[in-house]
Amino acid sequence: MTPVLRRPALTAAVLASAALVATVPPASAAPSTASVTVDRVDGLPAGEPTSLQVTGSGFQVVTGGFGGLYVLFGWVDDPAGGTWRPSQGGATGTDLRYAVDEAARDNAGYQVFVAFPGSQTAVEANGGTFGEDGSFSATVTVPGARFAALDAAGGTSEIDCLQVTCGVLTIGAHGVENATNETFTPVTFASDDAPATPTTEPSATEPSDPAPSPTAEPTVAAAVGDAVDDADAGGSALLPALAGGAAVLAAAAGAVWWRARRRGSAA
């Protein structure tokens, strides 16, 4: 019995499958370049966190696809040449390093995840979702000019952005390499000097100098005491003051004696 050849039927099936694939439009057309804009790239404070508004356009979007984009603050080894890119073999800890953060929605903001629209991982995105046109907008926190980053040994070490070039980088999320979506935008920092402490202006309710208390009428004892003080200071005022005090005392004693005598005469 002569075997039946099924090659034509197989060929037809392959052609039909190819035609079907050709008619399925891509989730989003892959753009040639991606662009990132950062609202502030110069003179960031070295010793305190700063929030940056990062917007992107022209990124490749895979609607319903796994993952998305990481927007990170860190350092790359070759910003001009691009050998840091994961799609070019760049390795985290060696060719690119970024600020350590928790893999959580409510992390410190050093690492931001932007999800593809309709992705099953969109619930994890703390940077929102891509627009269908490949745009996004997210807020990234810069920890300062110095930060801890993963190194090649799997530990952490400090990156000093006053010595090396740091910036905002974007790479494919969840280990998905995507050359189109890999960018680096450098930023600079101000000097490392701590800002001067502002001088506090006196408040309107601040109490003024206390008003002088009313001057009491001088007494004989006070007059004598003042005279003694003056005598100690100058040596010449003691005798007149004592004489005046003695006269006052004599007058007072005379008045008392006169009243007593009148009472005795009346009796």
C-alpha atoms as a PDB file:
ATOM      1  CA  MET A   1       0.000   0.000   0.000  1.00  0.00           C
ATOM      2  CA  THR A   2       1.429   3.268  -1.036  1.00  0.00           C
ATOM      3  CA  PRO A   3       1.784   5.714   1.891  1.00  0.00           C
ATOM      4  CA  VAL A   4      -0.088   8.983   1.650  1.00  0.00           C
ATOM      5  CA  LEU A   5       2.150  12.044   1.650  1.00  0.00           C
ATOM      6  CA  ARG A   6       0.913  14.814   3.998  1.00  0.00           C
ATOM      7  CA  ARG A   7       3.587  17.420   3.265  1.00  0.00           C
ATOM      8  CA  PRO A   8       1.211  19.776   1.413  1.00  0.00           C
ATOM      9  CA  ALA A   9      -1.251  19.697   4.309  1.00  0.00           C
ATOM     10  CA  LEU A  10       1.538  20.493   6.815  1.00  0.00           C
ATOM     11  CA  THR A  11       2.782  23.344   4.688  1.00  0.00           C
ATOM     12  CA  ALA A  12      -0.679  24.797   4.506  1.00  0.00           C
ATOM     13  CA  ALA A  13      -1.024  24.673   8.269  1.00  0.00           C
ATOM     14  CA  VAL A  14       2.293  26.486   8.771  1.00  0.00           C
ATOM     15  CA  LEU A  15       1.316  29.177   6.295  1.00  0.00           C
ATOM     16  CA  ALA A  16      -2.029  29.630   7.983  1.00  0.00           C
ATOM     17  CA  SER A  17      -0.341  30.065  11.385  1.00  0.00           C
ATOM     18  CA  ALA A  18       2.115  32.578   9.963  1.00  0.00           C
ATOM     19  CA  ALA A  19      -0.705  34.569   8.466  1.00  0.00           C
ATOM     20  CA  LEU A  20      -2.540  34.580  11.776  1.00  0.00           C
ATOM     21  CA  VAL A  21       0.520  35.891  13.613  1.00  0.00           C
ATOM     22  CA  ALA A  22       1.043  38.573  11.014  1.00  0.00           C
ATOM     23  CA  THR A  23      -2.482  39.849  11.490  1.00  0.00           C
ATOM     24  CA  VAL A  24      -2.195  40.199  15.295  1.00  0.00           C
ATOM     25  CA  PRO A  25      -1.146  43.782  16.027  1.00  0.00           C
ATOM     26  CA  PRO A  26       1.550  44.328  18.646  1.00  0.00           C
ATOM     27  CA  ALA A  27       0.443  45.566  22.048  1.00  0.00           C
ATOM     28  CA  SER A  28       2.131  48.879  21.308  1.00  0.00           C
ATOM     29  CA  ALA A  29       4.484  49.919  18.574  1.00  0.00           C
ATOM     30  CA  ALA A  30       8.072  49.884  19.785  1.00  0.00           C
ATOM     31  CA  PRO A  31       9.498  53.415  19.545  1.00  0.00           C
ATOM     32  CA  SER A  32      13.060  54.028  18.426  1.00  0.00           C
ATOM     33  CA  THR A  33      14.077  56.072  21.477  1.00  0.00           C
ATOM     34  CA  ALA A  34      12.900  56.794  24.998  1.00  0.00           C
ATOM     35  CA  SER A  35      13.229  60.203  26.619  1.00  0.00           C
ATOM     36  CA  VAL A  36      13.293  61.192  30.301  1.00  0.00           C
ATOM     37  CA  THR A  37      12.830  64.631  31.842  1.00  0.00           C
ATOM     38  CA  VAL A  38      13.723  65.382  35.462  1.00  0.00           C
ATOM     39  CA  ASP A  39      12.385  68.585  37.001  1.00  0.00           C
ATOM     40  CA  ARG A  40      15.647  69.329  38.816  1.00  0.00           C
ATOM     41  CA  VAL A  41      19.096  68.122  37.796  1.00  0.00           C
ATOM     42  CA  ASP A  42      21.504  70.708  39.255  1.00  0.00           C
ATOM     43  CA  GLY A  43      22.425  71.739  42.778  1.00  0.00           C
ATOM     44  CA  LEU A  44      20.556  69.099  44.759  1.00  0.00           C
ATOM     45  CA  PRO A  45      21.184  69.325  48.526  1.00  0.00           C
ATOM     46  CA  ALA A  46      23.924  66.925  49.517  1.00  0.00           C
ATOM     47  CA  GLY A  47      22.834  66.221  53.058  1.00  0.00           C
ATOM     48  CA  GLU A  48      19.091  65.690  52.833  1.00  0.00           C
ATOM     49  CA  PRO A  49      16.512  63.822  50.701  1.00  0.00           C
ATOM     50  CA  THR A  50      15.015  65.475  47.625  1.00  0.00           C
ATOM     51  CA  SER A  51      11.916  64.510  45.654  1.00  0.00           C
ATOM     52  CA  LEU A  52      12.267  64.614  41.875  1.00  0.00           C
ATOM     53  CA  GLN A  53       9.434  64.560  39.373  1.00  0.00           C
ATOM     54  CA  VAL A  54      10.399  62.239  36.527  1.00  0.00           C
ATOM     55  CA  THR A  55       8.433  62.082  33.277  1.00  0.00           C
ATOM     56  CA  GLY A  56       9.090  59.790  30.352  1.00  0.00           C
ATOM     57  CA  SER A  57       7.944  59.488  26.768  1.00  0.00           C
ATOM     58  CA  GLY A  58       8.637  57.154  23.867  1.00  0.00           C
ATOM     59  CA  PHE A  59       9.018  54.049  26.020  1.00  0.00           C
ATOM     60  CA  GLN A  60       8.105  50.636  24.735  1.00  0.00           C
ATOM     61  CA  VAL A  61       4.832  49.444  26.224  1.00  0.00           C
ATOM     62  CA  VAL A  62       3.545  45.876  26.241  1.00  0.00           C
ATOM     63  CA  THR A  63      -0.109  46.018  27.205  1.00  0.00           C
ATOM     64  CA  GLY A  64      -0.905  43.126  29.509  1.00  0.00           C
ATOM     65  CA  GLY A  65       2.748  42.148  29.526  1.00  0.00           C
ATOM     66  CA  PHE A  66       4.703  41.040  32.566  1.00  0.00           C
ATOM     67  CA  GLY A  67       6.693  43.686  34.418  1.00  0.00           C
ATOM     68  CA  GLY A  68       7.249  47.230  33.296  1.00  0.00           C
ATOM     69  CA  LEU A  69       9.919  49.748  34.225  1.00  0.00           C
ATOM     70  CA  TYR A  70      12.120  50.506  37.220  1.00  0.00           C
ATOM     71  CA  VAL A  71      12.910  54.170  37.832  1.00  0.00           C
ATOM     72  CA  LEU A  72      15.898  54.313  40.182  1.00  0.00           C
ATOM     73  CA  PHE A  73      18.407  56.709  41.662  1.00  0.00           C
ATOM     74  CA  GLY A  74      21.969  55.503  41.391  1.00  0.00           C
ATOM     75  CA  TRP A  75      25.257  55.388  39.520  1.00  0.00           C
ATOM     76  CA  VAL A  76      26.408  53.815  36.246  1.00  0.00           C
ATOM     77  CA  ASP A  77      29.957  52.966  35.264  1.00  0.00           C
ATOM     78  CA  ASP A  78      29.861  54.220  31.674  1.00  0.00           C
ATOM     79  CA  PRO A  79      27.088  56.780  31.210  1.00  0.00           C
ATOM     80  CA  ALA A  80      28.362  57.933  27.810  1.00  0.00           C
ATOM     81  CA  GLY A  81      29.217  54.548  26.316  1.00  0.00           C
ATOM     82  CA  GLY A  82      26.228  52.591  27.583  1.00  0.00           C
ATOM     83  CA  THR A  83      28.060  49.444  28.614  1.00  0.00           C
ATOM     84  CA  TRP A  84      26.227  49.666  31.938  1.00  0.00           C
ATOM     85  CA  ARG A  85      22.943  48.679  30.286  1.00  0.00           C
ATOM     86  CA  PRO A  86      21.598  45.238  31.284  1.00  0.00           C
ATOM     87  CA  SER A  87      20.822  44.553  27.631  1.00  0.00           C
ATOM     88  CA  GLN A  88      24.547  45.049  26.922  1.00  0.00           C
ATOM     89  CA  GLY A  89      25.650  42.751  29.716  1.00  0.00           C
ATOM     90  CA  GLY A  90      25.801  45.347  32.489  1.00  0.00           C
ATOM     91  CA  ALA A  91      25.528  43.806  35.947  1.00  0.00           C
ATOM     92  CA  THR A  92      23.995  45.269  39.087  1.00  0.00           C
ATOM     93  CA  GLY A  93      26.670  45.877  41.724  1.00  0.00           C
ATOM     94  CA  THR A  94      29.418  46.237  39.126  1.00  0.00           C
ATOM     95  CA  ASP A  95      28.286  48.334  36.165  1.00  0.00           C
ATOM     96  CA  LEU A  96      25.225  49.922  37.725  1.00  0.00           C
ATOM     97  CA  ARG A  97      24.364  50.495  41.347  1.00  0.00           C
ATOM     98  CA  TYR A  98      21.331  52.119  42.886  1.00  0.00           C
ATOM     99  CA  ALA A  99      20.036  53.118  46.307  1.00  0.00           C
ATOM    100  CA  VAL A 100      18.866  50.215  48.445  1.00  0.00           C
ATOM    101  CA  ASP A 101      15.130  50.224  49.117  1.00  0.00           C
ATOM    102  CA  GLU A 102      12.362  47.822  50.068  1.00  0.00           C
ATOM    103  CA  ALA A 103      10.504  45.946  47.336  1.00  0.00           C
ATOM    104  CA  ALA A 104       7.206  47.338  48.525  1.00  0.00           C
ATOM    105  CA  ARG A 105       4.621  49.825  47.382  1.00  0.00           C
ATOM    106  CA  ASP A 106       5.187  52.074  50.381  1.00  0.00           C
ATOM    107  CA  ASN A 107       8.996  52.076  50.276  1.00  0.00           C
ATOM    108  CA  ALA A 108      11.207  55.149  50.691  1.00  0.00           C
ATOM    109  CA  GLY A 109      10.804  56.111  47.027  1.00  0.00           C
ATOM    110  CA  TYR A 110      14.393  55.399  45.949  1.00  0.00           C
ATOM    111  CA  GLN A 111      13.075  52.617  43.700  1.00  0.00           C
ATOM    112  CA  VAL A 112       9.883  53.184  41.718  1.00  0.00           C
ATOM    113  CA  PHE A 113       8.033  50.581  39.671  1.00  0.00           C
ATOM    114  CA  VAL A 114       5.931  51.661  36.677  1.00  0.00           C
ATOM    115  CA  ALA A 115       3.741  48.838  35.367  1.00  0.00           C
ATOM    116  CA  PHE A 116       2.576  48.041  31.864  1.00  0.00           C
ATOM    117  CA  PRO A 117      -1.149  48.712  31.426  1.00  0.00           C
ATOM    118  CA  GLY A 118      -3.168  45.609  32.212  1.00  0.00           C
ATOM    119  CA  SER A 119      -0.175  43.810  33.702  1.00  0.00           C
ATOM    120  CA  GLN A 120      -0.795  41.298  36.472  1.00  0.00           C
ATOM    121  CA  THR A 121       1.916  43.073  38.468  1.00  0.00           C
ATOM    122  CA  ALA A 122       0.226  46.499  38.233  1.00  0.00           C
ATOM    123  CA  VAL A 123      -1.021  46.154  41.806  1.00  0.00           C
ATOM    124  CA  GLU A 124       2.602  46.372  42.975  1.00  0.00           C
ATOM    125  CA  ALA A 125       3.369  49.583  41.084  1.00  0.00           C
ATOM    126  CA  ASN A 126       4.213  52.553  43.295  1.00  0.00           C
ATOM    127  CA  GLY A 127       4.882  54.684  40.209  1.00  0.00           C
ATOM    128  CA  GLY A 128       1.604  54.191  38.422  1.00  0.00           C
ATOM    129  CA  THR A 129       1.027  52.692  35.001  1.00  0.00           C
ATOM    130  CA  PHE A 130       2.358  53.480  31.538  1.00  0.00           C
ATOM    131  CA  GLY A 131       0.146  55.327  29.135  1.00  0.00           C
ATOM    132  CA  GLU A 132      -0.604  53.545  25.899  1.00  0.00           C
ATOM    133  CA  ASP A 133       1.685  56.050  24.155  1.00  0.00           C
ATOM    134  CA  GLY A 134       4.696  55.012  26.224  1.00  0.00           C
ATOM    135  CA  SER A 135       4.554  57.905  28.690  1.00  0.00           C
ATOM    136  CA  PHE A 136       4.745  57.893  32.478  1.00  0.00           C
ATOM    137  CA  SER A 137       5.130  60.282  35.396  1.00  0.00           C
ATOM    138  CA  ALA A 138       6.553  59.311  38.775  1.00  0.00           C
ATOM    139  CA  THR A 139       8.156  60.810  41.862  1.00  0.00           C
ATOM    140  CA  VAL A 140      11.603  59.506  42.810  1.00  0.00           C
ATOM    141  CA  THR A 141      13.291  60.308  46.118  1.00  0.00           C
ATOM    142  CA  VAL A 142      17.019  61.067  46.132  1.00  0.00           C
ATOM    143  CA  PRO A 143      18.486  60.076  49.530  1.00  0.00           C
ATOM    144  CA  GLY A 144      21.286  62.633  49.289  1.00  0.00           C
ATOM    145  CA  ALA A 145      24.768  62.748  47.828  1.00  0.00           C
ATOM    146  CA  ARG A 146      25.797  59.608  49.718  1.00  0.00           C
ATOM    147  CA  PHE A 147      23.804  56.399  49.863  1.00  0.00           C
ATOM    148  CA  ALA A 148      24.158  52.650  50.342  1.00  0.00           C
ATOM    149  CA  ALA A 149      24.034  50.466  47.238  1.00  0.00           C
ATOM    150  CA  LEU A 150      24.472  46.776  46.483  1.00  0.00           C
ATOM    151  CA  ASP A 151      28.000  45.818  45.469  1.00  0.00           C
ATOM    152  CA  ALA A 152      29.422  42.953  43.440  1.00  0.00           C
ATOM    153  CA  ALA A 153      29.836  40.787  46.553  1.00  0.00           C
ATOM    154  CA  GLY A 154      26.154  41.030  47.409  1.00  0.00           C
ATOM    155  CA  GLY A 155      26.734  43.361  50.324  1.00  0.00           C
ATOM    156  CA  THR A 156      26.315  47.113  50.483  1.00  0.00           C
ATOM    157  CA  SER A 157      28.794  49.959  50.283  1.00  0.00           C
ATOM    158  CA  GLU A 158      28.555  53.707  50.021  1.00  0.00           C
ATOM    159  CA  ILE A 159      28.328  55.675  46.796  1.00  0.00           C
ATOM    160  CA  ASP A 160      29.535  59.285  47.011  1.00  0.00           C
ATOM    161  CA  CYS A 161      27.906  61.389  44.312  1.00  0.00           C
ATOM    162  CA  LEU A 162      30.298  64.256  45.058  1.00  0.00           C
ATOM    163  CA  GLN A 163      33.047  62.025  43.656  1.00  0.00           C
ATOM    164  CA  VAL A 164      31.211  60.113  40.895  1.00  0.00           C
ATOM    165  CA  THR A 165      28.360  60.889  38.510  1.00  0.00           C
ATOM    166  CA  CYS A 166      24.947  59.839  39.808  1.00  0.00           C
ATOM    167  CA  GLY A 167      21.501  60.215  38.323  1.00  0.00           C
ATOM    168  CA  VAL A 168      18.097  58.771  37.504  1.00  0.00           C
ATOM    169  CA  LEU A 169      18.171  55.518  35.556  1.00  0.00           C
ATOM    170  CA  THR A 170      15.444  53.397  34.000  1.00  0.00           C
ATOM    171  CA  ILE A 171      15.679  49.665  33.286  1.00  0.00           C
ATOM    172  CA  GLY A 172      13.241  46.861  32.588  1.00  0.00           C
ATOM    173  CA  ALA A 173      11.461  45.612  35.709  1.00  0.00           C
ATOM    174  CA  HIS A 174      11.407  42.104  37.168  1.00  0.00           C
ATOM    175  CA  GLY A 175      14.500  41.011  35.287  1.00  0.00           C
ATOM    176  CA  VAL A 176      13.037  41.671  31.813  1.00  0.00           C
ATOM    177  CA  GLU A 177      15.766  43.318  29.729  1.00  0.00           C
ATOM    178  CA  ASN A 178      14.587  45.969  27.293  1.00  0.00           C
ATOM    179  CA  ALA A 179      17.213  48.046  25.495  1.00  0.00           C
ATOM    180  CA  THR A 180      14.654  50.637  24.386  1.00  0.00           C
ATOM    181  CA  ASN A 181      13.690  51.462  27.964  1.00  0.00           C
ATOM    182  CA  GLU A 182      17.215  51.833  29.396  1.00  0.00           C
ATOM    183  CA  THR A 183      18.149  55.474  30.100  1.00  0.00           C
ATOM    184  CA  PHE A 184      20.389  57.491  32.418  1.00  0.00           C
ATOM    185  CA  THR A 185      19.863  61.164  33.352  1.00  0.00           C
ATOM    186  CA  PRO A 186      22.744  62.642  35.405  1.00  0.00           C
ATOM    187  CA  VAL A 187      22.185  65.055  38.305  1.00  0.00           C
ATOM    188  CA  THR A 188      24.597  67.175  40.325  1.00  0.00           C
ATOM    189  CA  PHE A 189      24.748  68.171  43.982  1.00  0.00           C
ATOM    190  CA  ALA A 190      25.569  71.383  45.790  1.00  0.00           C
ATOM    191  CA  SER A 191      28.528  71.621  48.129  1.00  0.00           C
ATOM    192  CA  ASP A 192      28.681  69.395  51.162  1.00  0.00           C
ATOM    193  CA  ASP A 193      28.544  72.350  53.573  1.00  0.00           C
ATOM    194  CA  ALA A 194      25.676  72.198  56.041  1.00  0.00           C
ATOM    195  CA  PRO A 195      23.178  75.043  55.651  1.00  0.00           C
ATOM    196  CA  ALA A 196      23.482  77.814  58.181  1.00  0.00           C
ATOM    197  CA  THR A 197      20.961  77.796  60.984  1.00  0.00           C
ATOM    198  CA  PRO A 198      18.478  80.627  60.344  1.00  0.00           C
ATOM    199  CA  THR A 199      18.468  83.437  62.879  1.00  0.00           C
ATOM    200  CA  THR A 200      15.235  83.573  64.824  1.00  0.00           C
ATOM    201  CA  GLU A 201      13.621  86.984  64.731  1.00  0.00           C
ATOM    202  CA  PRO A 202      12.232  88.238  68.056  1.00  0.00           C
ATOM    203  CA  SER A 203       8.506  87.734  68.261  1.00  0.00           C
ATOM    204  CA  ALA A 204       6.075  90.604  68.591  1.00  0.00           C
ATOM    205  CA  THR A 205       4.994  89.291  71.978  1.00  0.00           C
ATOM    206  CA  GLU A 206       8.515  89.085  73.372  1.00  0.00           C
ATOM    207  CA  PRO A 207       8.502  90.948  76.737  1.00  0.00           C
ATOM    208  CA  SER A 208      10.344  94.250  76.778  1.00  0.00           C
ATOM    209  CA  ASP A 209      12.766  95.357  79.478  1.00  0.00           C
ATOM    210  CA  PRO A 210      10.985  95.548  82.839  1.00  0.00           C
ATOM    211  CA  ALA A 211       9.870  99.043  83.859  1.00  0.00           C
ATOM    212  CA  PRO A 212      11.834 100.560  86.728  1.00  0.00           C
ATOM    213  CA  SER A 213      10.091 100.200  90.081  1.00  0.00           C
ATOM    214  CA  PRO A 214       8.874 103.382  91.822  1.00  0.00           C
ATOM    215  CA  THR A 215      11.533 105.083  93.877  1.00  0.00           C
ATOM    216  CA  ALA A 216      10.784 104.851  97.621  1.00  0.00           C
ATOM    217  CA  GLU A 217      11.056 107.916  99.813  1.00  0.00           C
ATOM    218  CA  PRO A 218      14.445 107.982 101.540  1.00  0.00           C
ATOM    219  CA  THR A 219      14.485 107.054 105.212  1.00  0.00           C
ATOM    220  CA  VAL A 220      16.916 108.118 107.873  1.00  0.00           C
ATOM    221  CA  ALA A 221      18.554 104.675 107.838  1.00  0.00           C
ATOM    222  CA  ALA A 222      18.782 104.733 104.053  1.00  0.00           C
ATOM    223  CA  ALA A 223      20.317 108.150 104.148  1.00  0.00           C
ATOM    224  CA  VAL A 224      22.898 107.015 106.626  1.00  0.00           C
ATOM    225  CA  GLY A 225      23.594 103.828 104.596  1.00  0.00           C
ATOM    226  CA  ASP A 226      24.033 105.791 101.397  1.00  0.00           C
ATOM    227  CA  ALA A 227      26.334 108.127 103.155  1.00  0.00           C
ATOM    228  CA  VAL A 228      28.461 105.224 104.354  1.00  0.00           C
ATOM    229  CA  ASP A 229      28.638 103.832 100.818  1.00  0.00           C
ATOM    230  CA  ASP A 230      29.613 107.196  99.469  1.00  0.00           C
ATOM    231  CA  ALA A 231      32.222 107.516 102.151  1.00  0.00           C
ATOM    232  CA  ASP A 232      33.698 104.180 101.133  1.00  0.00           C
ATOM    233  CA  ALA A 233      33.803 105.275  97.544  1.00  0.00           C
ATOM    234  CA  GLY A 234      34.970 108.846  97.942  1.00  0.00           C
ATOM    235  CA  GLY A 235      35.818 109.299 101.595  1.00  0.00           C
ATOM    236  CA  SER A 236      34.208 112.801 101.888  1.00  0.00           C
ATOM    237  CA  ALA A 237      30.432 112.362 102.213  1.00  0.00           C
ATOM    238  CA  LEU A 238      30.219 110.455 105.492  1.00  0.00           C
ATOM    239  CA  LEU A 239      30.404 113.321 108.019  1.00  0.00           C
ATOM    240  CA  PRO A 240      27.756 115.569 106.390  1.00  0.00           C
ATOM    241  CA  ALA A 241      25.397 112.627 106.041  1.00  0.00           C
ATOM    242  CA  LEU A 242      25.897 111.582 109.681  1.00  0.00           C
ATOM    243  CA  ALA A 243      25.368 115.118 110.862  1.00  0.00           C
ATOM    244  CA  GLY A 244      22.135 115.378 108.913  1.00  0.00           C
ATOM    245  CA  GLY A 245      20.933 112.039 110.253  1.00  0.00           C
ATOM    246  CA  ALA A 246      21.749 113.065 113.850  1.00  0.00           C
ATOM    247  CA  ALA A 247      19.771 116.286 113.447  1.00  0.00           C
ATOM    248  CA  VAL A 248      16.726 114.386 112.246  1.00  0.00           C
ATOM    249  CA  LEU A 249      16.941 111.953 115.148  1.00  0.00           C
ATOM    250  CA  ALA A 250      17.302 114.817 117.676  1.00  0.00           C
ATOM    251  CA  ALA A 251      14.233 116.591 116.266  1.00  0.00           C
ATOM    252  CA  ALA A 252      12.175 113.393 116.510  1.00  0.00           C
ATOM    253  CA  ALA A 253      13.274 112.792 120.129  1.00  0.00           C
ATOM    254  CA  GLY A 254      12.354 116.378 121.042  1.00  0.00           C
ATOM    255  CA  ALA A 255       8.890 115.998 119.613  1.00  0.00           C
ATOM    256  CA  VAL A 256       8.281 112.857 121.654  1.00  0.00           C
ATOM    257  CA  TRP A 257       9.493 114.569 124.875  1.00  0.00           C
ATOM    258  CA  TRP A 258       7.235 117.626 124.280  1.00  0.00           C
ATOM    259  CA  ARG A 259       4.115 115.449 123.822  1.00  0.00           C
ATOM    260  CA  ALA A 260       4.894 113.529 127.043  1.00  0.00           C
ATOM    261  CA  ARG A 261       5.299 116.748 129.012  1.00  0.00           C
ATOM    262  CA  ARG A 262       2.007 118.180 127.818  1.00  0.00           C
ATOM    263  CA  ARG A 263       0.183 115.027 128.857  1.00  0.00           C
ATOM    264  CA  GLY A 264       1.836 115.226 132.330  1.00  0.00           C
ATOM    265  CA  SER A 265       0.803 118.897 132.795  1.00  0.00           C
ATOM    266  CA  ALA A 266      -2.783 118.191 131.805  1.00  0.00           C
ATOM    267  CA  ALA A 267      -3.006 115.431 134.408  1.00  0.00           C
END
